[in-house]
Amino acid sequence: MFNFITEVKFKAILILAIMNKFQKETLKMRLLKLASLKSTGAPAELALRFEISERSVKRIVKELREEGTDLRYSQSRRSYVTEEDYQ
């Protein structure tokens, strides 16, 4: 019985990890789409839109940059933009 409970807990944790990875990738795609439209808003506004913390937004941006995406925050546009759009 104990092994069964342990196995069920392990599978539940694994499913949550997969869902979290999928959710993070979805947020990355949404952020990139908004950046291409120059309409992300400030990090705090983006956090509200995505229903996550501002710190999580900054982590996602950092991950995108580490993956090679040229993503910058434009003060004048108050939006994340891609490198070619940055001014």
Protein backbone atom coordinates (compact mmCIF):
# COMPACT_ATOMS: atom_id res chain seq x y z
CA MET A 1 0.00 0.00 0.00
CA PHE A 2 2.83 2.40 0.87
CA ASN A 3 4.52 1.83 -2.51
CA PHE A 4 1.25 2.59 -4.30
CA ILE A 5 0.83 5.89 -2.44
CA THR A 6 4.45 6.83 -3.11
CA GLU A 7 4.03 6.01 -6.81
CA VAL A 8 0.84 8.09 -7.04
CA LYS A 9 2.55 11.06 -5.35
CA PHE A 10 5.52 10.76 -7.69
CA LYS A 11 3.26 10.71 -10.75
CA ALA A 12 1.33 13.73 -9.46
CA ILE A 13 4.57 15.68 -8.96
CA LEU A 14 5.76 14.66 -12.42
CA ILE A 15 2.48 15.82 -14.00
CA LEU A 16 2.74 19.17 -12.18
CA ALA A 17 6.32 19.63 -13.39
CA ILE A 18 5.28 18.95 -16.98
CA MET A 19 2.33 21.33 -16.68
CA ASN A 20 4.55 24.03 -15.21
CA LYS A 21 7.05 23.64 -18.06
CA PHE A 22 4.22 23.83 -20.59
CA GLN A 23 2.77 26.89 -18.85
CA LYS A 24 6.16 28.61 -18.82
CA GLU A 25 6.69 27.94 -22.53
CA THR A 26 3.21 29.30 -23.22
CA LEU A 27 4.03 32.48 -21.28
CA LYS A 28 7.27 32.84 -23.23
CA MET A 29 5.39 32.61 -26.53
CA ARG A 30 2.80 35.13 -25.34
CA LEU A 31 5.50 37.54 -24.19
CA LEU A 32 7.32 37.30 -27.52
CA LYS A 33 4.08 37.91 -29.43
CA LEU A 34 3.31 40.99 -27.31
CA ALA A 35 6.91 42.21 -27.71
CA SER A 36 6.61 41.92 -31.48
CA LEU A 37 3.48 44.09 -31.22
CA LYS A 38 5.31 46.42 -28.81
CA SER A 39 2.47 46.09 -26.34
CA THR A 40 3.73 44.21 -23.28
CA GLY A 41 3.43 47.17 -20.96
CA ALA A 42 5.73 47.61 -18.00
CA PRO A 43 6.86 44.45 -16.15
CA ALA A 44 4.29 45.07 -13.39
CA GLU A 45 1.49 45.41 -15.97
CA LEU A 46 2.65 42.27 -17.75
CA ALA A 47 2.66 40.41 -14.44
CA LEU A 48 -0.95 41.41 -13.85
CA ARG A 49 -1.89 40.35 -17.38
CA PHE A 50 -0.22 36.95 -16.97
CA GLU A 51 -1.38 36.57 -13.34
CA ILE A 52 2.16 35.97 -12.12
CA SER A 53 4.62 37.98 -10.05
CA GLU A 54 6.77 40.72 -11.51
CA ARG A 55 9.80 38.67 -10.48
CA SER A 56 8.49 35.75 -12.56
CA VAL A 57 8.17 38.05 -15.57
CA LYS A 58 11.79 39.07 -15.14
CA ARG A 59 12.85 35.43 -14.83
CA ILE A 60 11.05 34.56 -18.07
CA VAL A 61 12.69 37.51 -19.83
CA LYS A 62 16.07 36.37 -18.53
CA GLU A 63 15.46 32.83 -19.81
CA LEU A 64 14.45 34.15 -23.23
CA ARG A 65 17.65 36.20 -23.38
CA GLU A 66 19.73 33.17 -22.34
CA GLU A 67 18.06 31.23 -25.16
CA GLY A 68 19.36 33.85 -27.60
CA THR A 69 16.32 36.10 -28.00
CA ASP A 70 17.22 39.77 -28.39
CA LEU A 71 14.66 41.21 -26.00
CA ARG A 72 14.97 44.68 -24.45
CA TYR A 73 12.74 46.96 -22.43
CA SER A 74 12.06 50.28 -24.17
CA GLN A 75 11.37 53.08 -21.68
CA SER A 76 9.86 55.28 -24.40
CA ARG A 77 7.43 52.58 -25.54
CA ARG A 78 6.90 51.16 -22.04
CA SER A 79 7.17 47.71 -23.57
CA TYR A 80 9.57 44.87 -24.13
CA VAL A 81 10.63 44.86 -27.76
CA THR A 82 12.86 42.74 -29.92
CA GLU A 83 16.39 44.02 -30.57
CA GLU A 84 15.65 45.23 -34.10
CA ASP A 85 12.73 47.30 -32.78
CA TYR A 86 14.70 48.79 -29.88
CA GLN A 87 15.27 52.54 -30.03
